[in-house]
Protein backbone atom coordinates (compact mmCIF):
# COMPACT_ATOMS: atom_id res chain seq x y z
CA UNK A 1 155.37 70.38 50.72
CA UNK A 2 153.49 73.49 51.45
CA UNK A 3 154.50 75.90 54.17
CA UNK A 4 151.63 75.56 56.84
CA UNK A 5 151.74 78.95 58.55
CA UNK A 6 148.62 80.73 59.93
CA UNK A 7 145.12 79.58 60.80
CA UNK A 8 142.60 77.76 58.72
CA UNK A 9 139.20 79.15 58.03
CA UNK A 10 137.56 76.55 60.26
CA UNK A 11 139.85 77.54 63.29
CA UNK A 12 139.01 81.25 62.86
CA UNK A 13 135.13 80.42 62.72
CA UNK A 14 135.46 78.30 65.93
CA UNK A 15 137.18 81.15 67.71
CA UNK A 16 134.55 83.57 66.60
CA UNK A 17 131.77 81.31 67.71
CA UNK A 18 133.28 80.95 71.14
CA UNK A 19 133.75 84.82 71.45
CA UNK A 20 130.13 85.19 70.37
CA UNK A 21 128.82 82.80 73.05
CA UNK A 22 130.96 84.66 75.74
CA UNK A 23 129.59 88.07 74.65
CA UNK A 24 126.04 86.80 74.81
CA UNK A 25 126.58 85.66 78.45
CA UNK A 26 128.13 88.99 79.29
CA UNK A 27 125.25 90.93 77.84
CA UNK A 28 122.71 88.89 79.71
CA UNK A 29 124.52 89.28 83.01
CA UNK A 30 124.80 93.04 82.38
CA UNK A 31 120.99 93.35 81.63
CA UNK A 32 120.26 91.40 84.80
CA UNK A 33 122.53 93.56 86.94
CA UNK A 34 121.01 96.72 85.38
CA UNK A 35 117.54 95.59 86.27
CA UNK A 36 118.38 94.77 89.80
CA UNK A 37 120.11 98.05 90.25
CA UNK A 38 117.07 99.94 88.96
CA UNK A 39 114.86 98.00 91.42
CA UNK A 40 117.19 98.70 94.27
CA UNK A 41 117.04 102.43 93.39
CA UNK A 42 113.29 102.35 93.27
CA UNK A 43 113.11 100.72 96.74
CA UNK A 44 115.67 103.31 98.06
CA UNK A 45 113.52 106.12 96.62
CA UNK A 46 110.39 104.79 98.30
CA UNK A 47 112.25 104.56 101.58
CA UNK A 48 113.56 108.06 101.32
CA UNK A 49 110.01 109.40 100.55
CA UNK A 50 108.69 107.54 103.64
CA UNK A 51 111.40 109.07 105.76
CA UNK A 52 110.70 112.58 104.36
CA UNK A 53 107.02 112.09 104.96
CA UNK A 54 107.60 111.06 108.66
CA UNK A 55 109.87 114.04 109.19
CA UNK A 56 107.37 116.41 107.56
CA UNK A 57 104.51 114.97 109.71
CA UNK A 58 106.61 115.53 112.90
CA UNK A 59 107.83 118.97 112.24
CA UNK A 60 105.72 120.78 109.62
CA UNK A 61 102.44 119.02 109.01
CA UNK A 62 100.55 119.20 112.39
CA UNK A 63 100.73 115.43 112.49
CA UNK A 64 99.57 115.21 108.83
CA UNK A 65 101.44 114.45 105.55
CA UNK A 66 102.62 116.36 102.48
CA UNK A 67 100.15 115.99 99.63
CA UNK A 68 102.74 115.73 96.76
CA UNK A 69 106.44 114.88 96.11
CA UNK A 70 106.91 118.55 95.05
CA UNK A 71 105.64 119.85 98.50
CA UNK A 72 108.23 117.58 100.14
CA UNK A 73 110.89 119.29 98.05
CA UNK A 74 109.83 122.74 99.14
CA UNK A 75 112.30 124.41 101.62
CA UNK A 76 110.75 125.44 104.88
CA UNK A 77 110.10 129.23 105.42
CA UNK A 78 112.63 129.54 108.19
CA UNK A 79 115.45 128.70 105.84
CA UNK A 80 115.46 125.06 106.52
CA UNK A 81 116.35 122.34 103.98
CA UNK A 82 113.71 120.60 101.98
CA UNK A 83 112.46 117.26 103.26
CA UNK A 84 113.25 115.46 99.94
CA UNK A 85 116.06 115.69 97.38
CA UNK A 86 115.38 117.69 94.23
CA UNK A 87 115.63 114.52 92.07
CA UNK A 88 112.64 112.95 93.81
CA UNK A 89 110.71 116.19 94.25
CA UNK A 90 110.87 117.54 90.61
CA UNK A 91 107.09 117.17 90.12
CA UNK A 92 104.01 115.21 91.15
CA UNK A 93 105.31 112.28 89.09
CA UNK A 94 108.96 111.54 88.94
CA UNK A 95 110.97 109.11 86.75
CA UNK A 96 113.95 107.82 88.68
CA UNK A 97 116.28 104.95 87.43
CA UNK A 98 113.70 103.66 85.01
CA UNK A 99 110.80 103.76 87.49
CA UNK A 100 107.77 106.15 87.46
CA UNK A 101 107.04 107.15 91.07
CA UNK A 102 103.70 108.67 91.90
CA UNK A 103 102.18 109.65 95.29
CA UNK A 104 98.56 110.42 96.31
CA UNK A 105 96.61 110.93 99.50
CA UNK A 106 93.38 111.88 101.16
CA UNK A 107 93.18 115.57 101.61
CA UNK A 108 92.03 117.03 104.92
CA UNK A 109 89.93 120.00 104.11
CA UNK A 110 89.59 121.76 107.44
CA UNK A 111 93.16 121.12 108.58
CA UNK A 112 95.45 124.10 109.17
CA UNK A 113 97.96 124.74 106.30
CA UNK A 114 101.44 123.33 106.88
CA UNK A 115 104.66 125.27 107.26
CA UNK A 116 105.16 125.03 103.47
CA UNK A 117 101.64 126.48 102.85
CA UNK A 118 100.02 123.33 101.37
CA UNK A 119 96.75 121.61 102.28
CA UNK A 120 97.96 118.35 104.09
CA UNK A 121 96.72 114.77 103.70
CA UNK A 122 95.69 112.34 106.46
CA UNK A 123 97.40 109.40 104.76
CA UNK A 124 99.28 108.59 101.55
CA UNK A 125 100.22 105.91 99.20
CA UNK A 126 103.15 105.79 96.70
CA UNK A 127 103.73 103.45 93.66
CA UNK A 128 106.82 102.78 91.63
CA UNK A 129 106.19 101.15 88.17
CA UNK A 130 108.95 100.31 85.68
CA UNK A 131 108.72 102.67 82.70
CA UNK A 132 109.65 99.75 80.44
CA UNK A 133 108.55 96.47 82.18
CA UNK A 134 110.99 93.81 81.53
CA UNK A 135 113.74 96.21 80.49
CA UNK A 136 113.95 98.85 83.29
CA UNK A 137 112.51 96.50 85.92
CA UNK A 138 110.55 93.33 86.43
CA UNK A 139 108.89 94.04 89.82
CA UNK A 140 106.39 96.80 90.80
CA UNK A 141 106.68 98.50 94.17
CA UNK A 142 104.22 100.33 96.52
CA UNK A 143 104.24 101.79 100.06
CA UNK A 144 101.91 103.85 102.22
CA UNK A 145 101.49 105.53 105.54
CA UNK A 146 102.55 102.35 107.38
CA UNK A 147 105.97 102.71 105.61
CA UNK A 148 106.28 99.14 104.70
CA UNK A 149 107.38 98.56 101.01
CA UNK A 150 105.61 95.90 98.95
CA UNK A 151 106.65 94.25 95.73
CA UNK A 152 104.79 92.28 93.02
CA UNK A 153 104.93 91.36 89.34
CA UNK A 154 101.62 93.45 88.87
CA UNK A 155 101.20 97.12 89.42
CA UNK A 156 100.03 98.65 92.63
CA UNK A 157 98.71 101.77 90.79
CA UNK A 158 94.98 102.13 91.59
CA UNK A 159 94.89 99.40 94.29
CA UNK A 160 97.50 100.46 96.82
CA UNK A 161 95.64 101.38 100.06
CA UNK A 162 96.73 104.39 102.05
CA UNK A 163 97.13 102.15 105.18
CA UNK A 164 97.50 98.48 105.59
CA UNK A 165 98.67 95.75 103.25
CA UNK A 166 97.69 95.87 99.60
CA UNK A 167 95.50 93.00 98.13
CA UNK A 168 98.46 91.42 96.43
CA UNK A 169 102.18 91.27 96.62
CA UNK A 170 104.60 90.67 99.40
CA UNK A 171 106.64 92.98 101.78
CA UNK A 172 110.21 93.76 100.79
CA UNK A 173 112.47 92.47 103.50
């Protein structure tokens, strides 16, 4: 009789197959959680920009809004803090958590300059698009002067109105 110690090749292959299946489920779950996290960060960024715009309008803009993200990140001349954190006010377009965030608005030519010495806008619209659709996010987001945030599977860039609901998508609740 032979001494039957150890595992057979078939048993080892079955164990490796089971481990492979479990790893594939874990990777899929991780990817899903990462996408949802990036989407939550995009919604949070749009909400923060809306709050910054409202504060700017109330205290600095003569009831008008900041024209760019960078102008929301400018400290007030009297030594006050900027309205928006530096990570969202690094430029006119910002990439945050896998989303490209852009803001635009209708300039008011004869309005007085704001406390941060920029020409204000009467209304604004902001879009957040995934930098790699399907990998960094599956939903597109947009908001405007009304401060409601909208979502859709198609981009809001180019068709997000400065006030009112967009032609497509639904409000984020």
